[in-house]
Amino acid sequence: MSSTPIKVLVVGCGNMGASHATAYHHMPEFEICGLVSTGKSKEVLNEKLGGVYPLFSDYSSALASTRPDAVCISTYPDTHEQYCVEALEAGCHVFIEKPIADSVAGAERVVAAAVKTNKKVVVGYILRHHPSWEKFVELAQTLGKPLVMRMNLNQQSHGYMWDVHRNLMKSLSPIVDCAVHYIDVMCQMTRTEPVRVSAIGARLTNDIPADNYNYGQLQIHFEDGSVGWYEAGWGPMMSETAFFIKDVVGPKGCVSIVAKDASAVGQSDNIDAHTKTESLRLHHADLDANNAFTKADEWIDLKDEPDHQELCNREQRYFLRAIQEDMDLTDHLADAVNSLKVAFACDESVKTGQMIQLS
């Protein structure tokens, strides 16, 4: 194993890019060779990191001049495919924020390029690195079948975050950009294939493209009879009531994430609140002869409760392992493409008013 640091070019210096850059900055195994953004975010980030890194406004120029070993892409989704393929063809490993591309065909081209160049591509599914979410999935798998999965993440965004969300909605809806996380979680819980989807959406503002919507809710039917819904809304008009629901029900009981602080009024657009779990509540459905519950609910409080930055650190440690240990990421990329396929089918359902058959 080489002791030479992996030279990484950080592209996109907003919320996620800044967190990933901070992880690299503190990891001796990586060496940042440049920060890239079209606006001022690279200067702001560089100052936070000590002002020591080269700055670039053009991605292709930065890639050519720095000749990195790896590229971290945290830009808006409409650039993901182009930037990722360009990095792979330049001989770089890639860490890329979800979604892997802004179309299913684009995601498949990214995977094909990774296979062709024999380079690693890790997609930023941050919940896969959260101990409480891993436990949430594990407990859901003990509840029997079918499962009923209920999840949402509505955000009453304003100020800077409303700018971010409006920019995201120039290319994707909330249920495509955000739902891929939760579709991925549902697939992990059921360990079976989605077969059909339906979805609804509403355009609650004129500040986004006419063909997009800032509120959506999707429903997924799985081949084992399980069903799940996910809801996402962005904007200053969204309600702070019940913005954080993470709940799974099965024949044997239910398990819920109970995030008391994350559910507090005024927290819905706080990025740290989106991954905060605090407690898991496991309910057992067993009844005695008098229909009384035989077991009390269990509260599971994991001591390992990483904040948003620590989760990004863990993502980058996984990226490092993928490179150093030559990990087989076939299933990782297949899951990323599959969750995007389901999300885009939901988007199609919103726009056509039809249920979409997947298989």
Protein backbone atom coordinates (compact mmCIF):
# COMPACT_ATOMS: atom_id res chain seq x y z
CA MET A 1 0.00 0.00 0.00
CA SER A 2 1.48 3.32 -1.10
CA SER A 3 2.28 5.92 1.55
CA THR A 4 1.97 8.70 -1.02
CA PRO A 5 -1.21 10.75 -0.42
CA ILE A 6 -3.99 10.51 -2.98
CA LYS A 7 -4.24 13.83 -4.80
CA VAL A 8 -7.90 14.85 -4.87
CA LEU A 9 -9.55 17.68 -6.79
CA VAL A 10 -12.68 18.99 -5.04
CA VAL A 11 -15.33 20.21 -7.49
CA GLY A 12 -18.23 22.10 -5.93
CA CYS A 13 -17.58 23.92 -2.65
CA GLY A 14 -21.08 24.40 -1.23
CA ASN A 15 -22.61 22.38 1.63
CA MET A 16 -21.56 18.88 0.67
CA GLY A 17 -18.37 19.86 -1.16
CA ALA A 18 -17.18 21.85 1.85
CA SER A 19 -17.82 18.91 4.17
CA HIS A 20 -15.97 16.47 1.91
CA ALA A 21 -13.07 18.91 1.51
CA THR A 22 -12.90 19.27 5.29
CA ALA A 23 -12.64 15.48 5.55
CA TYR A 24 -9.78 15.37 3.02
CA HIS A 25 -8.06 18.28 4.76
CA HIS A 26 -7.81 16.27 7.99
CA MET A 27 -6.95 12.90 6.42
CA PRO A 28 -3.22 12.34 5.81
CA GLU A 29 -4.07 9.76 3.13
CA PHE A 30 -5.49 12.53 0.91
CA GLU A 31 -3.97 15.76 -0.39
CA ILE A 32 -6.25 18.40 -1.88
CA CYS A 33 -4.72 19.66 -5.12
CA GLY A 34 -7.42 22.21 -5.93
CA LEU A 35 -10.85 23.61 -5.15
CA VAL A 36 -13.21 24.29 -8.06
CA SER A 37 -16.39 26.35 -8.19
CA THR A 38 -17.87 28.94 -10.53
CA GLY A 39 -18.68 31.35 -7.71
CA LYS A 40 -17.21 32.59 -4.43
CA SER A 41 -17.73 29.38 -2.45
CA LYS A 42 -14.19 28.17 -3.19
CA GLU A 43 -12.68 31.31 -1.63
CA VAL A 44 -14.89 30.96 1.45
CA LEU A 45 -13.98 27.29 1.84
CA ASN A 46 -10.29 27.88 1.22
CA GLU A 47 -10.20 30.51 3.96
CA LYS A 48 -11.79 28.06 6.40
CA LEU A 49 -9.13 25.49 5.50
CA GLY A 50 -6.23 27.89 5.99
CA GLY A 51 -6.04 29.47 2.52
CA VAL A 52 -3.50 26.93 1.27
CA TYR A 53 -5.17 25.39 -1.76
CA PRO A 54 -5.11 26.37 -5.46
CA LEU A 55 -8.42 27.75 -6.71
CA PHE A 56 -10.06 27.18 -10.09
CA SER A 57 -13.23 28.40 -11.80
CA ASP A 58 -13.14 25.96 -14.73
CA TYR A 59 -13.33 22.23 -14.08
CA SER A 60 -11.64 20.97 -17.25
CA SER A 61 -8.73 23.36 -16.80
CA ALA A 62 -8.32 22.32 -13.18
CA LEU A 63 -8.38 18.64 -14.12
CA ALA A 64 -5.72 19.14 -16.78
CA SER A 65 -3.39 21.29 -14.67
CA THR A 66 -3.58 19.42 -11.34
CA ARG A 67 -3.59 15.85 -12.74
CA PRO A 68 -5.30 14.41 -9.65
CA ASP A 69 -5.60 10.77 -8.61
CA ALA A 70 -9.20 11.32 -7.53
CA VAL A 71 -12.01 13.81 -8.04
CA CYS A 72 -14.79 14.69 -5.58
CA ILE A 73 -17.90 15.98 -7.37
CA SER A 74 -20.47 17.89 -5.31
CA THR A 75 -21.90 20.15 -8.01
CA TYR A 76 -25.51 20.41 -9.19
CA PRO A 77 -26.83 17.14 -10.68
CA ASP A 78 -26.95 18.36 -14.28
CA THR A 79 -23.13 18.33 -14.33
CA HIS A 80 -22.59 14.98 -12.59
CA GLU A 81 -22.44 12.73 -15.64
CA GLN A 82 -20.15 14.99 -17.68
CA TYR A 83 -17.75 15.70 -14.82
CA CYS A 84 -17.60 12.08 -13.69
CA VAL A 85 -16.94 10.63 -17.13
CA GLU A 86 -14.31 13.31 -17.79
CA ALA A 87 -12.55 12.44 -14.53
CA LEU A 88 -12.65 8.71 -15.23
CA GLU A 89 -11.24 9.19 -18.72
CA ALA A 90 -8.43 11.26 -17.17
CA GLY A 91 -7.51 8.23 -15.03
CA CYS A 92 -9.11 9.38 -11.76
CA HIS A 93 -11.17 7.61 -9.13
CA VAL A 94 -14.40 9.51 -8.36
CA PHE A 95 -16.48 10.27 -5.32
CA ILE A 96 -19.76 11.73 -6.57
CA GLU A 97 -22.70 13.08 -4.63
CA LYS A 98 -26.11 11.52 -5.31
CA PRO A 99 -27.80 11.33 -7.68
CA ILE A 100 -25.16 9.72 -9.89
CA ALA A 101 -26.57 11.63 -12.92
CA ASP A 102 -29.64 13.63 -13.93
CA SER A 103 -30.99 10.80 -16.10
CA VAL A 104 -31.01 7.02 -16.00
CA ALA A 105 -29.13 6.83 -19.30
CA GLY A 106 -26.52 9.21 -17.88
CA ALA A 107 -26.11 7.04 -14.79
CA GLU A 108 -25.61 3.99 -16.97
CA ARG A 109 -22.97 5.84 -19.00
CA VAL A 110 -21.12 6.68 -15.76
CA VAL A 111 -21.12 3.01 -14.73
CA ALA A 112 -19.92 1.96 -18.19
CA ALA A 113 -17.08 4.48 -18.01
CA ALA A 114 -16.07 3.19 -14.55
CA VAL A 115 -15.92 -0.37 -15.89
CA LYS A 116 -14.03 0.68 -19.02
CA THR A 117 -11.39 2.69 -17.13
CA ASN A 118 -11.22 0.27 -14.17
CA LYS A 119 -11.55 3.14 -11.72
CA LYS A 120 -13.59 3.38 -8.55
CA VAL A 121 -16.81 5.40 -8.40
CA VAL A 122 -18.39 5.84 -4.95
CA VAL A 123 -21.81 7.50 -4.77
CA GLY A 124 -22.57 9.65 -1.73
CA TYR A 125 -25.33 7.70 -0.02
CA ILE A 126 -24.62 9.18 3.39
CA LEU A 127 -27.26 7.14 5.26
CA ARG A 128 -25.36 3.94 4.46
CA HIS A 129 -22.61 5.17 6.79
CA HIS A 130 -24.85 6.07 9.74
CA PRO A 131 -24.87 3.44 12.54
CA SER A 132 -28.44 4.25 13.57
CA TRP A 133 -29.74 3.97 10.01
CA GLU A 134 -27.88 0.66 9.62
CA LYS A 135 -29.62 -0.52 12.81
CA PHE A 136 -32.94 0.86 11.53
CA VAL A 137 -32.61 -1.30 8.40
CA GLU A 138 -31.54 -4.33 10.47
CA LEU A 139 -34.54 -4.05 12.82
CA ALA A 140 -36.96 -3.50 9.92
CA GLN A 141 -35.82 -6.86 8.52
CA THR A 142 -37.01 -8.60 11.74
CA LEU A 143 -40.62 -7.38 11.47
CA GLY A 144 -41.83 -9.97 8.96
CA LYS A 145 -43.36 -9.36 5.55
CA PRO A 146 -44.90 -7.38 4.05
CA LEU A 147 -43.46 -4.13 5.32
CA VAL A 148 -45.13 -0.72 5.31
CA MET A 149 -42.47 2.00 5.08
CA ARG A 150 -43.38 5.62 5.83
CA MET A 151 -40.77 8.33 5.34
CA ASN A 152 -40.48 12.01 4.53
CA LEU A 153 -38.14 14.97 4.65
CA ASN A 154 -39.87 18.28 4.03
CA GLN A 155 -37.77 21.44 4.27
CA GLN A 156 -39.04 24.93 5.04
CA SER A 157 -36.10 26.42 3.18
CA HIS A 158 -35.29 30.13 3.09
CA GLY A 159 -32.25 32.34 2.65
CA TYR A 160 -29.24 30.47 1.28
CA MET A 161 -31.00 27.07 1.31
CA TRP A 162 -33.85 28.39 -0.85
CA ASP A 163 -31.22 29.49 -3.37
CA VAL A 164 -29.76 25.97 -3.26
CA HIS A 165 -33.14 24.31 -3.71
CA ARG A 166 -34.18 26.60 -6.58
CA ASN A 167 -30.92 25.82 -8.35
CA LEU A 168 -31.46 22.09 -7.83
CA MET A 169 -34.96 22.35 -9.27
CA LYS A 170 -33.59 23.73 -12.53
CA SER A 171 -32.80 20.11 -13.37
CA LEU A 172 -34.52 17.80 -10.86
CA SER A 173 -37.57 17.61 -8.62
CA PRO A 174 -37.27 17.02 -4.85
CA ILE A 175 -38.51 13.44 -5.18
CA VAL A 176 -35.74 12.64 -7.64
CA ASP A 177 -32.89 14.46 -5.92
CA CYS A 178 -33.86 13.50 -2.36
CA ALA A 179 -35.87 10.28 -2.72
CA VAL A 180 -32.97 8.21 -4.07
CA HIS A 181 -31.67 8.00 -0.46
CA TYR A 182 -34.93 6.62 0.87
CA ILE A 183 -35.70 4.37 -2.08
CA ASP A 184 -32.28 2.86 -1.45
CA VAL A 185 -33.17 2.35 2.24
CA MET A 186 -36.52 0.74 1.34
CA CYS A 187 -34.80 -1.66 -1.06
CA GLN A 188 -32.34 -2.60 1.70
CA MET A 189 -35.23 -3.23 4.11
CA THR A 190 -37.28 -5.42 1.77
CA ARG A 191 -34.37 -7.07 -0.09
CA THR A 192 -36.71 -7.33 -3.04
CA GLU A 193 -37.50 -5.48 -6.26
CA PRO A 194 -39.87 -2.52 -6.70
CA VAL A 195 -42.53 -3.47 -9.27
CA ARG A 196 -44.65 -0.33 -9.74
CA VAL A 197 -44.87 3.26 -8.53
CA SER A 198 -47.34 6.11 -8.39
CA ALA A 199 -46.75 9.70 -7.32
CA ILE A 200 -48.33 13.12 -6.98
CA GLY A 201 -46.78 16.56 -7.05
CA ALA A 202 -47.64 20.26 -6.83
CA ARG A 203 -45.94 23.46 -7.97
CA LEU A 204 -46.33 25.86 -5.05
CA THR A 205 -44.15 28.69 -6.37
CA ASN A 206 -43.41 30.55 -9.59
CA ASP A 207 -39.71 30.68 -8.62
CA ILE A 208 -39.01 27.31 -10.31
CA PRO A 209 -39.28 26.11 -13.92
CA ALA A 210 -42.83 25.76 -15.20
CA ASP A 211 -42.41 22.02 -15.83
CA ASN A 212 -41.18 21.23 -12.31
CA TYR A 213 -42.78 21.00 -8.86
CA ASN A 214 -41.44 21.63 -5.36
CA TYR A 215 -43.68 19.18 -3.49
CA GLY A 216 -43.95 15.47 -4.27
CA GLN A 217 -45.10 12.25 -2.68
CA LEU A 218 -44.39 8.80 -4.09
CA GLN A 219 -45.68 5.29 -3.40
CA ILE A 220 -43.76 2.11 -4.21
CA HIS A 221 -45.08 -1.45 -4.46
CA PHE A 222 -42.53 -4.26 -4.01
CA GLU A 223 -42.71 -7.80 -5.35
CA ASP A 224 -43.00 -9.27 -1.82
CA GLY A 225 -46.14 -7.22 -1.11
CA SER A 226 -44.33 -4.50 0.82
CA VAL A 227 -45.30 -0.87 0.19
CA GLY A 228 -43.61 2.42 0.98
CA TRP A 229 -44.21 6.12 0.65
CA TYR A 230 -41.86 9.06 0.67
CA GLU A 231 -42.68 12.78 0.72
CA ALA A 232 -40.41 15.73 -0.04
CA GLY A 233 -41.21 19.42 -0.28
CA TRP A 234 -38.84 22.39 -0.53
CA GLY A 235 -39.55 26.06 -0.04
CA PRO A 236 -40.50 28.90 2.31
CA MET A 237 -44.16 27.81 2.24
CA MET A 238 -43.56 24.29 3.58
CA SER A 239 -44.92 23.28 6.98
CA GLU A 240 -42.61 22.54 9.90
CA THR A 241 -45.20 20.07 11.22
CA ALA A 242 -44.27 16.38 10.79
CA PHE A 243 -41.37 17.05 8.46
CA PHE A 244 -39.36 14.15 9.88
CA ILE A 245 -41.11 10.75 9.67
CA LYS A 246 -39.09 7.53 9.53
CA ASP A 247 -41.34 4.61 10.38
CA VAL A 248 -41.56 0.95 9.33
CA VAL A 249 -44.43 -1.41 10.19
CA GLY A 250 -44.53 -5.20 9.75
CA PRO A 251 -46.68 -8.09 11.04
CA LYS A 252 -44.49 -8.44 14.13
CA GLY A 253 -44.46 -4.75 15.11
CA CYS A 254 -42.80 -1.52 14.06
CA VAL A 255 -39.61 0.46 14.39
CA SER A 256 -39.36 4.23 14.24
CA ILE A 257 -36.65 6.84 14.31
CA VAL A 258 -37.55 9.29 17.05
CA ALA A 259 -35.43 12.38 16.54
CA LYS A 260 -36.72 14.78 19.15
CA ASP A 261 -34.30 17.63 18.42
CA ALA A 262 -34.46 17.13 14.65
CA SER A 263 -38.23 17.44 14.84
CA ALA A 264 -38.09 20.78 16.62
CA VAL A 265 -39.73 23.74 14.91
CA GLY A 266 -37.30 25.65 12.71
CA GLN A 267 -34.96 22.70 12.04
CA SER A 268 -36.28 21.31 8.75
CA ASP A 269 -33.68 23.02 6.51
CA ASN A 270 -30.79 22.33 8.92
CA ILE A 271 -28.57 19.79 7.16
CA ASP A 272 -27.41 18.30 10.48
CA ALA A 273 -31.04 17.56 11.39
CA HIS A 274 -31.54 15.47 8.24
CA THR A 275 -29.34 12.63 9.49
CA LYS A 276 -29.85 13.02 13.24
CA THR A 277 -31.58 9.99 14.76
CA GLU A 278 -31.13 10.11 18.55
CA SER A 279 -33.34 7.08 19.31
CA LEU A 280 -34.93 4.03 17.73
CA ARG A 281 -38.24 2.84 19.17
CA LEU A 282 -39.01 -0.85 18.60
CA HIS A 283 -42.60 -1.93 19.20
CA HIS A 284 -43.63 -5.60 19.47
CA ALA A 285 -47.09 -6.65 18.26
CA ASP A 286 -47.32 -9.83 20.39
CA LEU A 287 -50.57 -10.09 22.38
CA ASP A 288 -51.62 -12.38 25.22
CA ALA A 289 -55.01 -14.08 25.66
CA ASN A 290 -56.51 -10.77 26.79
CA ASN A 291 -55.10 -8.87 23.79
CA ALA A 292 -52.61 -7.07 26.00
CA PHE A 293 -49.09 -6.51 24.74
CA THR A 294 -46.63 -9.08 26.07
CA LYS A 295 -43.55 -6.89 25.65
CA ALA A 296 -42.89 -3.24 26.39
CA ASP A 297 -41.50 -1.01 23.66
CA GLU A 298 -37.72 -0.97 23.47
CA TRP A 299 -35.75 2.28 23.19
CA ILE A 300 -32.42 1.86 21.45
CA ASP A 301 -29.96 4.70 21.89
CA LEU A 302 -26.73 4.09 20.03
CA LYS A 303 -23.70 5.77 21.56
CA ASP A 304 -22.20 6.29 18.09
CA GLU A 305 -24.24 9.27 16.86
CA PRO A 306 -22.12 11.00 14.20
CA ASP A 307 -22.94 14.53 13.09
CA HIS A 308 -23.05 15.56 9.44
CA GLN A 309 -19.30 16.24 9.21
CA GLU A 310 -18.40 12.90 10.80
CA LEU A 311 -20.68 11.12 8.34
CA CYS A 312 -18.83 12.80 5.47
CA ASN A 313 -15.55 11.73 7.10
CA ARG A 314 -16.83 8.14 7.10
CA GLU A 315 -17.86 8.38 3.47
CA GLN A 316 -14.34 9.46 2.58
CA ARG A 317 -12.80 6.67 4.64
CA TYR A 318 -14.97 4.27 2.62
CA PHE A 319 -13.77 5.93 -0.61
CA LEU A 320 -10.19 5.48 0.58
CA ARG A 321 -10.80 1.78 1.30
CA ALA A 322 -12.42 1.33 -2.11
CA ILE A 323 -9.25 2.65 -3.74
CA GLN A 324 -6.65 1.04 -1.50
CA GLU A 325 -8.34 -2.37 -1.25
CA ASP A 326 -9.55 -2.46 -4.86
CA MET A 327 -13.11 -3.07 -3.64
CA ASP A 328 -15.68 -4.49 -6.05
CA LEU A 329 -18.28 -1.72 -6.35
CA THR A 330 -20.54 -3.50 -8.85
CA ASP A 331 -23.44 -3.83 -6.40
CA HIS A 332 -22.87 -0.32 -5.04
CA LEU A 333 -23.25 1.21 -8.51
CA ALA A 334 -26.14 -1.09 -9.46
CA ASP A 335 -28.02 0.11 -6.36
CA ALA A 336 -27.33 3.73 -7.28
CA VAL A 337 -28.68 3.25 -10.80
CA ASN A 338 -31.68 1.25 -9.57
CA SER A 339 -32.76 3.86 -7.00
CA LEU A 340 -32.49 6.55 -9.69
CA LYS A 341 -34.62 4.47 -12.09
CA VAL A 342 -37.34 4.21 -9.46
CA ALA A 343 -37.13 7.94 -8.65
CA PHE A 344 -37.48 8.92 -12.31
CA ALA A 345 -40.41 6.54 -12.70
CA CYS A 346 -42.05 8.40 -9.81
CA ASP A 347 -41.31 11.71 -11.55
CA GLU A 348 -42.95 10.32 -14.71
CA SER A 349 -46.00 9.34 -12.65
CA VAL A 350 -46.34 12.90 -11.31
CA LYS A 351 -46.17 14.37 -14.81
CA THR A 352 -48.46 11.82 -16.52
CA GLY A 353 -50.89 11.08 -13.70
CA GLN A 354 -50.37 7.37 -14.38
CA MET A 355 -49.11 4.45 -12.30
CA ILE A 356 -45.77 3.28 -13.75
CA GLN A 357 -45.01 -0.42 -14.04
CA LEU A 358 -41.35 -1.23 -13.40
CA SER A 359 -41.36 -5.00 -13.98
